[in-house]
């Protein structure tokens, strides 16, 4: 073999097929290329994602003008609460919009009157997820407070305190998560004689309860 032939032999690329194992070099190169292009094939452990954090609800006035606006002072004439006329209302309606981006979460509510630790009759319940195709993050919450809860024979200031939460502690109106899964709203209601709007000093409402 001449020197030029030996030189040519040395210059043969190393990726050439092995004469004894046809296509062996091509197979090694192809497997290496697949390992580079398809790194996901090397993952053997499942990937875990943390569930999204729960968002607290929020309470707003309804679109239609409510009888009493949130966190404002309202007036109920004494003779309205004490009437016994047939066909007359026997309760005061309240209505709000509850905003919650957790659209599949069932919420629970309770309305407490004055210093009561338990909701009045008809003032608590569930707020289930909306089935509407849009606007599911807003749900209307309506409840009625019976006249008797405002002590019709007692003139003065009364408080309606609404609590909306993902869950209450068993047998109580105390939210399990008051910081991250609870919204509240308060109304101050003056019960006073008809035509005597200044009979009750509403600035003293928070201090009187």
Protein backbone atom coordinates (compact mmCIF):
# COMPACT_ATOMS: atom_id res chain seq x y z
CA UNK A 1 0.00 0.00 0.00
CA UNK A 2 1.45 3.38 -1.01
CA UNK A 3 1.86 6.28 1.38
CA UNK A 4 -0.94 8.19 -0.32
CA UNK A 5 -3.34 5.29 0.17
CA UNK A 6 -2.44 5.04 3.85
CA UNK A 7 -3.06 8.79 4.18
CA UNK A 8 -6.47 8.43 2.58
CA UNK A 9 -7.29 5.62 5.01
CA UNK A 10 -6.49 7.82 7.94
CA UNK A 11 -8.78 10.55 6.66
CA UNK A 12 -11.85 8.30 6.53
CA UNK A 13 -14.50 9.91 8.81
CA UNK A 14 -15.01 8.15 12.14
CA UNK A 15 -18.78 8.08 11.65
CA UNK A 16 -18.53 5.70 8.75
CA UNK A 17 -20.30 2.33 9.16
CA UNK A 18 -18.33 -0.43 10.82
CA UNK A 19 -17.44 -2.93 8.09
CA UNK A 20 -18.36 -5.82 10.40
CA UNK A 21 -21.68 -4.25 11.60
CA UNK A 22 -23.39 -2.44 8.73
CA UNK A 23 -25.26 0.78 9.74
CA UNK A 24 -23.91 0.68 13.30
CA UNK A 25 -22.48 4.19 13.05
CA UNK A 26 -25.75 5.55 11.63
CA UNK A 27 -27.70 3.94 14.47
CA UNK A 28 -25.53 5.55 17.13
CA UNK A 29 -25.81 8.95 15.49
CA UNK A 30 -29.62 8.66 15.14
CA UNK A 31 -30.11 7.63 18.78
CA UNK A 32 -27.98 10.57 19.88
CA UNK A 33 -30.04 12.96 17.73
CA UNK A 34 -33.33 11.68 19.15
CA UNK A 35 -32.02 12.10 22.70
CA UNK A 36 -31.25 15.74 21.92
CA UNK A 37 -34.48 16.51 20.06
CA UNK A 38 -36.80 14.60 22.40
CA UNK A 39 -35.60 15.28 25.94
CA UNK A 40 -39.16 14.81 27.28
CA UNK A 41 -38.76 11.09 26.71
CA UNK A 42 -36.29 11.00 29.59
CA UNK A 43 -38.83 12.27 32.21
CA UNK A 44 -39.95 9.37 34.38
CA UNK A 45 -41.49 11.21 37.37
CA UNK A 46 -45.00 12.81 37.26
CA UNK A 47 -45.14 16.60 37.34
CA UNK A 48 -47.22 18.05 40.18
CA UNK A 49 -48.83 21.50 40.12
CA UNK A 50 -50.02 23.32 43.23
CA UNK A 51 -53.77 24.09 43.15
CA UNK A 52 -54.58 27.78 42.66
CA UNK A 53 -55.08 29.80 45.84
CA UNK A 54 -58.66 30.49 46.88
CA UNK A 55 -59.83 34.07 46.42
CA UNK A 56 -62.03 35.80 49.03
CA UNK A 57 -65.50 36.97 47.94
CA UNK A 58 -66.58 40.62 47.87
CA UNK A 59 -70.00 42.21 48.49
CA UNK A 60 -71.52 45.02 46.40
CA UNK A 61 -74.87 46.75 46.03
CA UNK A 62 -77.19 45.23 43.46
CA UNK A 63 -77.49 46.89 40.04
CA UNK A 64 -81.04 47.99 40.88
CA UNK A 65 -81.23 50.58 43.63
CA UNK A 66 -81.61 48.66 46.91
CA UNK A 67 -83.80 49.81 49.78
CA UNK A 68 -80.73 50.19 51.99
CA UNK A 69 -77.28 50.79 50.57
CA UNK A 70 -74.27 48.92 51.93
CA UNK A 71 -72.52 50.42 54.95
CA UNK A 72 -75.00 53.29 55.05
CA UNK A 73 -77.70 54.43 57.48
CA UNK A 74 -81.30 53.48 56.68
CA UNK A 75 -84.60 54.56 58.19
CA UNK A 76 -87.59 52.43 59.13
CA UNK A 77 -90.59 54.32 60.57
CA UNK A 78 -91.80 52.78 63.81
CA UNK A 79 -95.38 52.49 62.60
CA UNK A 80 -94.26 50.36 59.65
CA UNK A 81 -92.64 47.80 61.94
CA UNK A 82 -95.54 47.73 64.37
CA UNK A 83 -98.38 47.51 61.85
CA UNK A 84 -100.56 44.43 61.83
CA UNK A 85 -102.55 45.28 58.73
CA UNK A 86 -103.35 42.27 56.58
CA UNK A 87 -101.33 42.09 53.39
CA UNK A 88 -98.61 44.41 54.69
CA UNK A 89 -94.96 43.24 54.57
CA UNK A 90 -93.67 41.56 57.71
CA UNK A 91 -89.97 41.73 56.89
CA UNK A 92 -87.34 44.04 55.43
CA UNK A 93 -85.69 42.84 52.18
CA UNK A 94 -81.94 43.11 51.60
CA UNK A 95 -80.16 42.33 48.35
CA UNK A 96 -76.50 42.40 47.32
CA UNK A 97 -74.18 41.09 44.60
CA UNK A 98 -71.46 38.70 45.73
CA UNK A 99 -68.36 38.65 43.53
CA UNK A 100 -66.16 35.55 43.69
CA UNK A 101 -63.73 34.42 40.97
CA UNK A 102 -63.95 30.88 42.37
CA UNK A 103 -67.09 30.25 40.33
CA UNK A 104 -67.49 26.59 41.32
CA UNK A 105 -67.34 27.22 45.06
CA UNK A 106 -70.53 27.07 47.13
CA UNK A 107 -70.67 30.02 49.53
CA UNK A 108 -72.60 30.32 52.78
CA UNK A 109 -74.11 33.42 54.38
CA UNK A 110 -75.55 34.57 57.68
CA UNK A 111 -77.05 37.92 58.75
CA UNK A 112 -76.70 38.88 62.42
CA UNK A 113 -78.91 41.52 64.03
CA UNK A 114 -77.40 43.79 66.70
CA UNK A 115 -75.28 41.71 69.11
CA UNK A 116 -76.80 38.35 68.24
CA UNK A 117 -74.30 35.55 67.65
CA UNK A 118 -76.78 33.52 65.60
CA UNK A 119 -78.61 34.49 62.40
CA UNK A 120 -82.28 35.32 62.48
CA UNK A 121 -84.86 33.00 60.93
CA UNK A 122 -84.53 33.12 57.15
CA UNK A 123 -81.29 35.15 57.38
CA UNK A 124 -78.86 32.39 56.48
CA UNK A 125 -78.34 29.83 53.75
CA UNK A 126 -76.21 28.74 50.80
CA UNK A 127 -75.19 30.62 47.69
CA UNK A 128 -74.65 27.94 45.06
CA UNK A 129 -72.60 28.40 41.87
CA UNK A 130 -74.35 30.12 38.98
CA UNK A 131 -75.32 28.01 35.98
CA UNK A 132 -75.30 30.97 33.58
CA UNK A 133 -72.86 30.75 30.66
CA UNK A 134 -71.34 34.16 31.47
CA UNK A 135 -70.98 36.36 34.54
CA UNK A 136 -70.64 33.38 36.86
CA UNK A 137 -68.31 35.33 39.14
CA UNK A 138 -71.27 37.48 40.27
CA UNK A 139 -74.19 36.02 42.22
CA UNK A 140 -77.22 37.81 43.65
CA UNK A 141 -77.87 37.26 47.33
CA UNK A 142 -81.26 38.25 48.77
CA UNK A 143 -82.58 37.72 52.28
CA UNK A 144 -85.37 39.10 54.48
CA UNK A 145 -85.07 40.27 58.07
CA UNK A 146 -88.36 39.88 59.99
CA UNK A 147 -89.69 43.07 61.56
CA UNK A 148 -89.59 41.47 64.99
CA UNK A 149 -85.79 41.38 64.80
CA UNK A 150 -85.73 45.20 64.90
CA UNK A 151 -87.62 45.28 68.21
CA UNK A 152 -90.56 47.41 67.00
CA UNK A 153 -91.34 48.59 70.53
CA UNK A 154 -87.80 49.96 71.00
CA UNK A 155 -86.81 53.13 69.15
CA UNK A 156 -83.15 53.48 68.31
CA UNK A 157 -80.31 52.12 66.23
CA UNK A 158 -80.00 48.58 64.95
CA UNK A 159 -77.26 46.82 63.01
CA UNK A 160 -77.54 44.24 60.23
CA UNK A 161 -74.21 42.46 59.75
CA UNK A 162 -73.91 40.14 56.74
CA UNK A 163 -71.19 37.47 56.54
CA UNK A 164 -70.44 35.56 53.33
CA UNK A 165 -67.81 32.82 53.48
CA UNK A 166 -66.73 29.51 52.05
CA UNK A 167 -67.46 27.71 55.31
CA UNK A 168 -68.59 28.43 58.86
CA UNK A 169 -67.30 26.73 61.95
CA UNK A 170 -69.68 23.95 62.91
CA UNK A 171 -72.79 25.23 64.68
CA UNK A 172 -71.70 28.88 64.63
CA UNK A 173 -71.73 32.00 62.45
CA UNK A 174 -67.93 32.25 62.69
CA UNK A 175 -66.05 31.81 59.39
CA UNK A 176 -63.38 29.11 59.28
CA UNK A 177 -61.11 31.43 57.28
CA UNK A 178 -62.02 35.05 58.13
CA UNK A 179 -58.99 36.51 56.32
CA UNK A 180 -58.82 34.64 53.01
CA UNK A 181 -62.34 33.37 52.35
CA UNK A 182 -64.79 35.85 53.89
CA UNK A 183 -66.58 39.11 53.03
CA UNK A 184 -68.77 41.23 55.33
CA UNK A 185 -71.16 44.16 54.99
CA UNK A 186 -73.02 46.26 57.54
CA UNK A 187 -76.20 48.32 57.50
CA UNK A 188 -77.28 50.70 60.28
CA UNK A 189 -81.07 50.93 60.63
CA UNK A 190 -82.88 53.66 62.56
CA UNK A 191 -86.24 52.76 64.03
CA UNK A 192 -88.01 55.99 64.93
CA UNK A 193 -91.46 57.61 64.89
CA UNK A 194 -92.84 58.61 61.51
CA UNK A 195 -92.02 62.21 60.60
CA UNK A 196 -89.27 62.53 63.24
CA UNK A 197 -86.10 61.97 61.26
CA UNK A 198 -83.91 63.44 64.00
CA UNK A 199 -85.31 61.31 66.80
CA UNK A 200 -82.35 58.92 66.66
CA UNK A 201 -78.74 60.09 66.65
CA UNK A 202 -77.28 57.69 64.11
CA UNK A 203 -73.74 58.89 64.76
CA UNK A 204 -73.95 56.95 68.02
CA UNK A 205 -74.94 53.67 66.35
CA UNK A 206 -71.58 51.87 66.52
CA UNK A 207 -71.01 52.99 70.12
CA UNK A 208 -74.45 51.82 71.25
CA UNK A 209 -73.98 48.20 70.25
